[in-house]
Amino acid sequence: MNAYNTAFKKRVDKASLAMTHLIKQGCAITGLSIKDTSTVINILPPRDKRVKGTLISITGTHTGRCHMMATRLYGCTVQWHLTNEEPQQELNA
């Protein structure tokens, strides 16, 4: 394997570890994006209080505000949206 393929395989392996961890925590994975510079996993808002994140953006919608939360896990960025009905959580994965 060349250097690019080796680096890509490492990113895929880290994403696999992160997804396994999230599934064990009861999170629903809705998307996965593996790029040259980053790996992003999108999930539904976690029910388990052990999965926590940092507020990275607030978007105003017609129904209120939507909070984008994120955390890092095995070198991957894990993101989810919180609406007004869901309590905000603090960082700790």
PDB file of N, CA and C in Angstrom:
ATOM      1  N   MET A   1       0.840  -1.191   0.000  1.00  0.00           N
ATOM      2  CA  MET A   1       0.000   0.000   0.000  1.00  0.00           C
ATOM      3  C   MET A   1       0.878   1.245   0.000  1.00  0.00           C
ATOM      4  N   ASN A   2       0.405   2.262  -0.706  1.00  0.00           N
ATOM      5  CA  ASN A   2       1.154   3.517  -0.705  1.00  0.00           C
ATOM      6  C   ASN A   2       0.793   4.342   0.534  1.00  0.00           C
ATOM      7  N   ALA A   3       1.470   5.470   0.720  1.00  0.00           N
ATOM      8  CA  ALA A   3       1.294   6.291   1.929  1.00  0.00           C
ATOM      9  C   ALA A   3      -0.128   6.844   2.034  1.00  0.00           C
ATOM     10  N   TYR A   4      -0.715   7.239   0.900  1.00  0.00           N
ATOM     11  CA  TYR A   4      -2.076   7.785   0.936  1.00  0.00           C
ATOM     12  C   TYR A   4      -3.075   6.725   1.392  1.00  0.00           C
ATOM     13  N   ASN A   5      -2.961   5.511   0.853  1.00  0.00           N
ATOM     14  CA  ASN A   5      -3.876   4.441   1.241  1.00  0.00           C
ATOM     15  C   ASN A   5      -3.709   4.059   2.709  1.00  0.00           C
ATOM     16  N   THR A   6      -2.482   4.069   3.189  1.00  0.00           N
ATOM     17  CA  THR A   6      -2.225   3.756   4.592  1.00  0.00           C
ATOM     18  C   THR A   6      -2.867   4.800   5.502  1.00  0.00           C
ATOM     19  N   ALA A   7      -2.710   6.069   5.159  1.00  0.00           N
ATOM     20  CA  ALA A   7      -3.304   7.139   5.969  1.00  0.00           C
ATOM     21  C   ALA A   7      -4.829   7.065   5.937  1.00  0.00           C
ATOM     22  N   PHE A   8      -5.391   6.762   4.774  1.00  0.00           N
ATOM     23  CA  PHE A   8      -6.846   6.652   4.670  1.00  0.00           C
ATOM     24  C   PHE A   8      -7.355   5.473   5.491  1.00  0.00           C
ATOM     25  N   LYS A   9      -6.641   4.350   5.457  1.00  0.00           N
ATOM     26  CA  LYS A   9      -7.046   3.184   6.245  1.00  0.00           C
ATOM     27  C   LYS A   9      -7.029   3.511   7.735  1.00  0.00           C
ATOM     28  N   LYS A  10      -6.046   4.297   8.194  1.00  0.00           N
ATOM     29  CA  LYS A  10      -5.995   4.695   9.601  1.00  0.00           C
ATOM     30  C   LYS A  10      -7.208   5.538   9.980  1.00  0.00           C
ATOM     31  N   ARG A  11      -7.616   6.458   9.071  1.00  0.00           N
ATOM     32  CA  ARG A  11      -8.802   7.279   9.344  1.00  0.00           C
ATOM     33  C   ARG A  11     -10.059   6.421   9.412  1.00  0.00           C
ATOM     34  N   VAL A  12     -10.162   5.438   8.529  1.00  0.00           N
ATOM     35  CA  VAL A  12     -11.321   4.537   8.536  1.00  0.00           C
ATOM     36  C   VAL A  12     -11.339   3.707   9.819  1.00  0.00           C
ATOM     37  N   ASP A  13     -10.174   3.222  10.250  1.00  0.00           N
ATOM     38  CA  ASP A  13     -10.096   2.432  11.481  1.00  0.00           C
ATOM     39  C   ASP A  13     -10.495   3.260  12.698  1.00  0.00           C
ATOM     40  N   LYS A  14     -10.055   4.528  12.755  1.00  0.00           N
ATOM     41  CA  LYS A  14     -10.430   5.401  13.872  1.00  0.00           C
ATOM     42  C   LYS A  14     -11.933   5.685  13.852  1.00  0.00           C
ATOM     43  N   ALA A  15     -12.492   5.893  12.660  1.00  0.00           N
ATOM     44  CA  ALA A  15     -13.935   6.115  12.550  1.00  0.00           C
ATOM     45  C   ALA A  15     -14.697   4.881  13.006  1.00  0.00           C
ATOM     46  N   SER A  16     -14.186   3.711  12.688  1.00  0.00           N
ATOM     47  CA  SER A  16     -14.826   2.465  13.121  1.00  0.00           C
ATOM     48  C   SER A  16     -14.831   2.347  14.645  1.00  0.00           C
ATOM     49  N   LEU A  17     -13.706   2.690  15.282  1.00  0.00           N
ATOM     50  CA  LEU A  17     -13.646   2.665  16.746  1.00  0.00           C
ATOM     51  C   LEU A  17     -14.627   3.662  17.357  1.00  0.00           C
ATOM     52  N   ALA A  18     -14.687   4.865  16.787  1.00  0.00           N
ATOM     53  CA  ALA A  18     -15.601   5.887  17.302  1.00  0.00           C
ATOM     54  C   ALA A  18     -17.056   5.448  17.135  1.00  0.00           C
ATOM     55  N   MET A  19     -17.390   4.871  15.993  1.00  0.00           N
ATOM     56  CA  MET A  19     -18.767   4.424  15.760  1.00  0.00           C
ATOM     57  C   MET A  19     -19.128   3.291  16.712  1.00  0.00           C
ATOM     58  N   THR A  20     -18.215   2.369  16.950  1.00  0.00           N
ATOM     59  CA  THR A  20     -18.461   1.280  17.898  1.00  0.00           C
ATOM     60  C   THR A  20     -18.720   1.831  19.291  1.00  0.00           C
ATOM     61  N   HIS A  21     -17.924   2.815  19.701  1.00  0.00           N
ATOM     62  CA  HIS A  21     -18.116   3.439  21.014  1.00  0.00           C
ATOM     63  C   HIS A  21     -19.479   4.123  21.102  1.00  0.00           C
ATOM     64  N   LEU A  22     -19.859   4.862  20.064  1.00  0.00           N
ATOM     65  CA  LEU A  22     -21.149   5.560  20.058  1.00  0.00           C
ATOM     66  C   LEU A  22     -22.313   4.577  20.091  1.00  0.00           C
ATOM     67  N   ILE A  23     -22.203   3.484  19.360  1.00  0.00           N
ATOM     68  CA  ILE A  23     -23.276   2.485  19.352  1.00  0.00           C
ATOM     69  C   ILE A  23     -23.415   1.851  20.731  1.00  0.00           C
ATOM     70  N   LYS A  24     -22.299   1.597  21.405  1.00  0.00           N
ATOM     71  CA  LYS A  24     -22.356   1.044  22.762  1.00  0.00           C
ATOM     72  C   LYS A  24     -23.011   2.018  23.733  1.00  0.00           C
ATOM     73  N   GLN A  25     -22.887   3.333  23.456  1.00  0.00           N
ATOM     74  CA  GLN A  25     -23.509   4.354  24.304  1.00  0.00           C
ATOM     75  C   GLN A  25     -24.970   4.577  23.936  1.00  0.00           C
ATOM     76  N   GLY A  26     -25.474   3.871  22.923  1.00  0.00           N
ATOM     77  CA  GLY A  26     -26.878   3.982  22.543  1.00  0.00           C
ATOM     78  C   GLY A  26     -27.176   5.128  21.589  1.00  0.00           C
ATOM     79  N   CYS A  27     -26.174   5.642  20.884  1.00  0.00           N
ATOM     80  CA  CYS A  27     -26.377   6.748  19.953  1.00  0.00           C
ATOM     81  C   CYS A  27     -26.792   6.221  18.581  1.00  0.00           C
ATOM     82  N   ALA A  28     -27.648   6.985  17.900  1.00  0.00           N
ATOM     83  CA  ALA A  28     -28.076   6.640  16.546  1.00  0.00           C
ATOM     84  C   ALA A  28     -27.234   7.429  15.551  1.00  0.00           C
ATOM     85  N   ILE A  29     -26.463   6.744  14.735  1.00  0.00           N
ATOM     86  CA  ILE A  29     -25.587   7.390  13.760  1.00  0.00           C
ATOM     87  C   ILE A  29     -26.392   7.686  12.499  1.00  0.00           C
ATOM     88  N   THR A  30     -26.344   8.943  12.059  1.00  0.00           N
ATOM     89  CA  THR A  30     -27.106   9.336  10.866  1.00  0.00           C
ATOM     90  C   THR A  30     -26.215   9.639   9.673  1.00  0.00           C
ATOM     91  N   GLY A  31     -24.925   9.831   9.889  1.00  0.00           N
ATOM     92  CA  GLY A  31     -24.046  10.132   8.767  1.00  0.00           C
ATOM     93  C   GLY A  31     -22.583   9.983   9.114  1.00  0.00           C
ATOM     94  N   LEU A  32     -21.785   9.725   8.087  1.00  0.00           N
ATOM     95  CA  LEU A  32     -20.346   9.573   8.254  1.00  0.00           C
ATOM     96  C   LEU A  32     -19.659  10.203   7.047  1.00  0.00           C
ATOM     97  N   SER A  33     -18.670  11.037   7.298  1.00  0.00           N
ATOM     98  CA  SER A  33     -17.916  11.681   6.229  1.00  0.00           C
ATOM     99  C   SER A  33     -16.432  11.552   6.543  1.00  0.00           C
ATOM    100  N   ILE A  34     -15.708  10.823   5.685  1.00  0.00           N
ATOM    101  CA  ILE A  34     -14.270  10.662   5.855  1.00  0.00           C
ATOM    102  C   ILE A  34     -13.600  11.398   4.704  1.00  0.00           C
ATOM    103  N   LYS A  35     -12.826  12.437   5.041  1.00  0.00           N
ATOM    104  CA  LYS A  35     -12.136  13.254   4.037  1.00  0.00           C
ATOM    105  C   LYS A  35     -10.641  13.219   4.288  1.00  0.00           C
ATOM    106  N   ASP A  36      -9.892  13.895   3.425  1.00  0.00           N
ATOM    107  CA  ASP A  36      -8.439  13.954   3.593  1.00  0.00           C
ATOM    108  C   ASP A  36      -8.044  14.631   4.888  1.00  0.00           C
ATOM    109  N   THR A  37      -8.813  15.650   5.290  1.00  0.00           N
ATOM    110  CA  THR A  37      -8.411  16.458   6.436  1.00  0.00           C
ATOM    111  C   THR A  37      -9.214  16.178   7.699  1.00  0.00           C
ATOM    112  N   SER A  38     -10.370  15.537   7.591  1.00  0.00           N
ATOM    113  CA  SER A  38     -11.195  15.345   8.788  1.00  0.00           C
ATOM    114  C   SER A  38     -12.155  14.171   8.618  1.00  0.00           C
ATOM    115  N   THR A  39     -12.626  13.699   9.749  1.00  0.00           N
ATOM    116  CA  THR A  39     -13.663  12.678   9.781  1.00  0.00           C
ATOM    117  C   THR A  39     -14.778  13.198  10.661  1.00  0.00           C
ATOM    118  N   VAL A  40     -16.010  13.236  10.131  1.00  0.00           N
ATOM    119  CA  VAL A  40     -17.161  13.755  10.862  1.00  0.00           C
ATOM    120  C   VAL A  40     -18.229  12.673  10.934  1.00  0.00           C
ATOM    121  N   ILE A  41     -18.733  12.428  12.144  1.00  0.00           N
ATOM    122  CA  ILE A  41     -19.825  11.490  12.363  1.00  0.00           C
ATOM    123  C   ILE A  41     -21.009  12.296  12.878  1.00  0.00           C
ATOM    124  N   ASN A  42     -22.144  12.195  12.208  1.00  0.00           N
ATOM    125  CA  ASN A  42     -23.367  12.874  12.637  1.00  0.00           C
ATOM    126  C   ASN A  42     -24.247  11.870  13.370  1.00  0.00           C
ATOM    127  N   ILE A  43     -24.798  12.299  14.511  1.00  0.00           N
ATOM    128  CA  ILE A  43     -25.678  11.437  15.295  1.00  0.00           C
ATOM    129  C   ILE A  43     -26.936  12.205  15.663  1.00  0.00           C
ATOM    130  N   LEU A  44     -27.958  11.464  16.089  1.00  0.00           N
ATOM    131  CA  LEU A  44     -29.128  12.090  16.687  1.00  0.00           C
ATOM    132  C   LEU A  44     -28.754  12.503  18.103  1.00  0.00           C
ATOM    133  N   PRO A  45     -29.500  13.431  18.715  1.00  0.00           N
ATOM    134  CA  PRO A  45     -29.162  13.829  20.090  1.00  0.00           C
ATOM    135  C   PRO A  45     -29.079  12.606  21.006  1.00  0.00           C
ATOM    136  N   PRO A  46     -27.970  12.461  21.727  1.00  0.00           N
ATOM    137  CA  PRO A  46     -27.785  11.277  22.568  1.00  0.00           C
ATOM    138  C   PRO A  46     -28.727  11.275  23.765  1.00  0.00           C
ATOM    139  N   ARG A  47     -29.243  10.117  24.082  1.00  0.00           N
ATOM    140  CA  ARG A  47     -30.089   9.967  25.277  1.00  0.00           C
ATOM    141  C   ARG A  47     -29.247   9.754  26.517  1.00  0.00           C
ATOM    142  N   ASP A  48     -28.092   9.132  26.320  1.00  0.00           N
ATOM    143  CA  ASP A  48     -27.195   8.843  27.435  1.00  0.00           C
ATOM    144  C   ASP A  48     -26.501  10.121  27.878  1.00  0.00           C
ATOM    145  N   LYS A  49     -26.569  10.442  29.154  1.00  0.00           N
ATOM    146  CA  LYS A  49     -25.964  11.673  29.686  1.00  0.00           C
ATOM    147  C   LYS A  49     -24.441  11.620  29.670  1.00  0.00           C
ATOM    148  N   ARG A  50     -23.860  10.437  29.444  1.00  0.00           N
ATOM    149  CA  ARG A  50     -22.401  10.334  29.405  1.00  0.00           C
ATOM    150  C   ARG A  50     -21.822  10.896  28.110  1.00  0.00           C
ATOM    151  N   VAL A  51     -22.639  10.982  27.063  1.00  0.00           N
ATOM    152  CA  VAL A  51     -22.182  11.562  25.801  1.00  0.00           C
ATOM    153  C   VAL A  51     -22.522  13.041  25.819  1.00  0.00           C
ATOM    154  N   LYS A  52     -21.507  13.871  25.941  1.00  0.00           N
ATOM    155  CA  LYS A  52     -21.715  15.308  26.057  1.00  0.00           C
ATOM    156  C   LYS A  52     -20.868  16.023  25.025  1.00  0.00           C
ATOM    157  N   GLY A  53     -21.212  17.268  24.754  1.00  0.00           N
ATOM    158  CA  GLY A  53     -20.481  18.011  23.745  1.00  0.00           C
ATOM    159  C   GLY A  53     -20.367  19.484  24.071  1.00  0.00           C
ATOM    160  N   THR A  54     -19.695  20.198  23.199  1.00  0.00           N
ATOM    161  CA  THR A  54     -19.502  21.633  23.312  1.00  0.00           C
ATOM    162  C   THR A  54     -20.356  22.323  22.269  1.00  0.00           C
ATOM    163  N   LEU A  55     -21.000  23.407  22.662  1.00  0.00           N
ATOM    164  CA  LEU A  55     -21.804  24.192  21.736  1.00  0.00           C
ATOM    165  C   LEU A  55     -20.873  24.859  20.731  1.00  0.00           C
ATOM    166  N   ILE A  56     -21.084  24.578  19.424  1.00  0.00           N
ATOM    167  CA  ILE A  56     -20.205  25.189  18.419  1.00  0.00           C
ATOM    168  C   ILE A  56     -20.932  26.212  17.555  1.00  0.00           C
ATOM    169  N   SER A  57     -22.270  26.150  17.480  1.00  0.00           N
ATOM    170  CA  SER A  57     -22.999  27.177  16.735  1.00  0.00           C
ATOM    171  C   SER A  57     -24.475  27.168  17.112  1.00  0.00           C
ATOM    172  N   ILE A  58     -25.120  28.317  16.903  1.00  0.00           N
ATOM    173  CA  ILE A  58     -26.557  28.458  17.133  1.00  0.00           C
ATOM    174  C   ILE A  58     -27.171  28.972  15.837  1.00  0.00           C
ATOM    175  N   THR A  59     -28.205  28.283  15.368  1.00  0.00           N
ATOM    176  CA  THR A  59     -28.884  28.684  14.148  1.00  0.00           C
ATOM    177  C   THR A  59     -30.330  29.013  14.477  1.00  0.00           C
ATOM    178  N   GLY A  60     -30.793  30.172  14.047  1.00  0.00           N
ATOM    179  CA  GLY A  60     -32.190  30.537  14.246  1.00  0.00           C
ATOM    180  C   GLY A  60     -33.053  29.892  13.175  1.00  0.00           C
ATOM    181  N   THR A  61     -34.132  29.252  13.595  1.00  0.00           N
ATOM    182  CA  THR A  61     -35.080  28.649  12.658  1.00  0.00           C
ATOM    183  C   THR A  61     -36.459  29.237  12.919  1.00  0.00           C
ATOM    184  N   HIS A  62     -37.427  28.874  12.083  1.00  0.00           N
ATOM    185  CA  HIS A  62     -38.785  29.390  12.269  1.00  0.00           C
ATOM    186  C   HIS A  62     -39.450  28.827  13.522  1.00  0.00           C
ATOM    187  N   THR A  63     -38.920  27.747  14.072  1.00  0.00           N
ATOM    188  CA  THR A  63     -39.491  27.168  15.287  1.00  0.00           C
ATOM    189  C   THR A  63     -38.668  27.471  16.529  1.00  0.00           C
ATOM    190  N   GLY A  64     -37.611  28.222  16.390  1.00  0.00           N
ATOM    191  CA  GLY A  64     -36.758  28.543  17.533  1.00  0.00           C
ATOM    192  C   GLY A  64     -35.303  28.393  17.166  1.00  0.00           C
ATOM    193  N   ARG A  65     -34.485  28.180  18.136  1.00  0.00           N
ATOM    194  CA  ARG A  65     -33.052  28.046  17.900  1.00  0.00           C
ATOM    195  C   ARG A  65     -32.645  26.581  17.844  1.00  0.00           C
ATOM    196  N   CYS A  66     -31.656  26.306  17.022  1.00  0.00           N
ATOM    197  CA  CYS A  66     -31.083  24.974  16.908  1.00  0.00           C
ATOM    198  C   CYS A  66     -29.613  25.076  17.304  1.00  0.00           C
ATOM    199  N   HIS A  67     -29.203  24.308  18.268  1.00  0.00           N
ATOM    200  CA  HIS A  67     -27.836  24.348  18.779  1.00  0.00           C
ATOM    201  C   HIS A  67     -27.045  23.177  18.192  1.00  0.00           C
ATOM    202  N   MET A  68     -25.911  23.477  17.557  1.00  0.00           N
ATOM    203  CA  MET A  68     -25.025  22.436  17.032  1.00  0.00           C
ATOM    204  C   MET A  68     -24.004  22.104  18.107  1.00  0.00           C
ATOM    205  N   MET A  69     -23.987  20.852  18.506  1.00  0.00           N
ATOM    206  CA  MET A  69     -23.064  20.376  19.529  1.00  0.00           C
ATOM    207  C   MET A  69     -22.021  19.478  18.866  1.00  0.00           C
ATOM    208  N   ALA A  70     -20.827  19.419  19.446  1.00  0.00           N
ATOM    209  CA  ALA A  70     -19.770  18.579  18.900  1.00  0.00           C
ATOM    210  C   ALA A  70     -18.832  18.121  20.003  1.00  0.00           C
ATOM    211  N   THR A  71     -18.198  16.988  19.758  1.00  0.00           N
ATOM    212  CA  THR A  71     -17.154  16.481  20.629  1.00  0.00           C
ATOM    213  C   THR A  71     -16.171  15.699  19.774  1.00  0.00           C
ATOM    214  N   ARG A  72     -15.009  15.412  20.308  1.00  0.00           N
ATOM    215  CA  ARG A  72     -13.997  14.632  19.591  1.00  0.00           C
ATOM    216  C   ARG A  72     -13.914  13.242  20.222  1.00  0.00           C
ATOM    217  N   LEU A  73     -13.801  12.239  19.365  1.00  0.00           N
ATOM    218  CA  LEU A  73     -13.743  10.861  19.826  1.00  0.00           C
ATOM    219  C   LEU A  73     -12.844  10.081  18.869  1.00  0.00           C
ATOM    220  N   TYR A  74     -11.749   9.538  19.377  1.00  0.00           N
ATOM    221  CA  TYR A  74     -10.787   8.791  18.560  1.00  0.00           C
ATOM    222  C   TYR A  74     -10.329   9.606  17.347  1.00  0.00           C
ATOM    223  N   GLY A  75     -10.150  10.899  17.512  1.00  0.00           N
ATOM    224  CA  GLY A  75      -9.695  11.753  16.423  1.00  0.00           C
ATOM    225  C   GLY A  75     -10.777  12.138  15.432  1.00  0.00           C
ATOM    226  N   CYS A  76     -12.024  11.761  15.696  1.00  0.00           N
ATOM    227  CA  CYS A  76     -13.149  12.086  14.818  1.00  0.00           C
ATOM    228  C   CYS A  76     -14.020  13.139  15.489  1.00  0.00           C
ATOM    229  N   THR A  77     -14.638  13.992  14.690  1.00  0.00           N
ATOM    230  CA  THR A  77     -15.590  14.961  15.208  1.00  0.00           C
ATOM    231  C   THR A  77     -16.976  14.335  15.193  1.00  0.00           C
ATOM    232  N   VAL A  78     -17.646  14.353  16.330  1.00  0.00           N
ATOM    233  CA  VAL A  78     -19.010  13.839  16.440  1.00  0.00           C
ATOM    234  C   VAL A  78     -19.914  15.043  16.630  1.00  0.00           C
ATOM    235  N   GLN A  79     -20.944  15.189  15.759  1.00  0.00           N
ATOM    236  CA  GLN A  79     -21.823  16.357  15.797  1.00  0.00           C
ATOM    237  C   GLN A  79     -23.277  15.929  15.912  1.00  0.00           C
ATOM    238  N   TRP A  80     -24.074  16.789  16.599  1.00  0.00           N
ATOM    239  CA  TRP A  80     -25.522  16.608  16.648  1.00  0.00           C
ATOM    240  C   TRP A  80     -26.189  17.941  16.918  1.00  0.00           C
ATOM    241  N   HIS A  81     -27.486  18.007  16.610  1.00  0.00           N
ATOM    242  CA  HIS A  81     -28.287  19.213  16.815  1.00  0.00           C
ATOM    243  C   HIS A  81     -29.159  19.044  18.050  1.00  0.00           C
ATOM    244  N   LEU A  82     -29.266  20.102  18.840  1.00  0.00           N
ATOM    245  CA  LEU A  82     -30.207  20.153  19.950  1.00  0.00           C
ATOM    246  C   LEU A  82     -31.239  21.225  19.636  1.00  0.00           C
ATOM    247  N   THR A  83     -32.498  20.943  19.905  1.00  0.00           N
ATOM    248  CA  THR A  83     -33.533  21.954  19.732  1.00  0.00           C
ATOM    249  C   THR A  83     -33.869  22.552  21.095  1.00  0.00           C
ATOM    250  N   ASN A  84     -34.821  23.461  21.137  1.00  0.00           N
ATOM    251  CA  ASN A  84     -35.187  24.121  22.397  1.00  0.00           C
ATOM    252  C   ASN A  84     -35.733  23.144  23.430  1.00  0.00           C
ATOM    253  N   GLU A  85     -36.349  22.060  22.982  1.00  0.00           N
ATOM    254  CA  GLU A  85     -36.958  21.114  23.921  1.00  0.00           C
ATOM    255  C   GLU A  85     -35.930  20.270  24.657  1.00  0.00           C
ATOM    256  N   GLU A  86     -34.749  20.093  24.061  1.00  0.00           N
ATOM    257  CA  GLU A  86     -33.746  19.229  24.650  1.00  0.00           C
ATOM    258  C   GLU A  86     -32.780  20.044  25.498  1.00  0.00           C
ATOM    259  N   PRO A  87     -32.441  19.572  26.688  1.00  0.00           N
ATOM    260  CA  PRO A  87     -31.520  20.332  27.547  1.00  0.00           C
ATOM    261  C   PRO A  87     -30.118  20.339  26.963  1.00  0.00           C
ATOM    262  N   GLN A  88     -29.417  21.465  27.111  1.00  0.00           N
ATOM    263  CA  GLN A  88     -28.040  21.538  26.628  1.00  0.00           C
ATOM    264  C   GLN A  88     -27.149  20.708  27.533  1.00  0.00           C
ATOM    265  N   GLN A  89     -26.118  20.165  26.929  1.00  0.00           N
ATOM    266  CA  GLN A  89     -25.198  19.313  27.662  1.00  0.00           C
ATOM    267  C   GLN A  89     -23.799  19.885  27.577  1.00  0.00           C
ATOM    268  N   GLU A  90     -22.995  19.514  28.521  1.00  0.00           N
ATOM    269  CA  GLU A  90     -21.627  19.999  28.559  1.00  0.00           C
ATOM    270  C   GLU A  90     -20.702  18.916  28.019  1.00  0.00           C
ATOM    271  N   LEU A  91     -19.449  19.266  27.779  1.00  0.00           N
ATOM    272  CA  LEU A  91     -18.490  18.373  27.131  1.00  0.00           C
ATOM    273  C   LEU A  91     -18.039  17.245  28.047  1.00  0.00           C
ATOM    274  N   ASN A  92     -18.052  16.030  27.512  1.00  0.00           N
ATOM    275  CA  ASN A  92     -17.410  14.872  28.111  1.00  0.00           C
ATOM    276  C   ASN A  92     -17.852  13.633  27.360  1.00  0.00           C
ATOM    277  N   ALA A  93     -16.975  13.054  26.586  1.00  0.00           N
ATOM    278  CA  ALA A  93     -17.308  11.822  25.858  1.00  0.00           C
ATOM    279  C   ALA A  93     -16.494  10.750  26.445  1.00  0.00           C
TER     280      ALA A  93
END
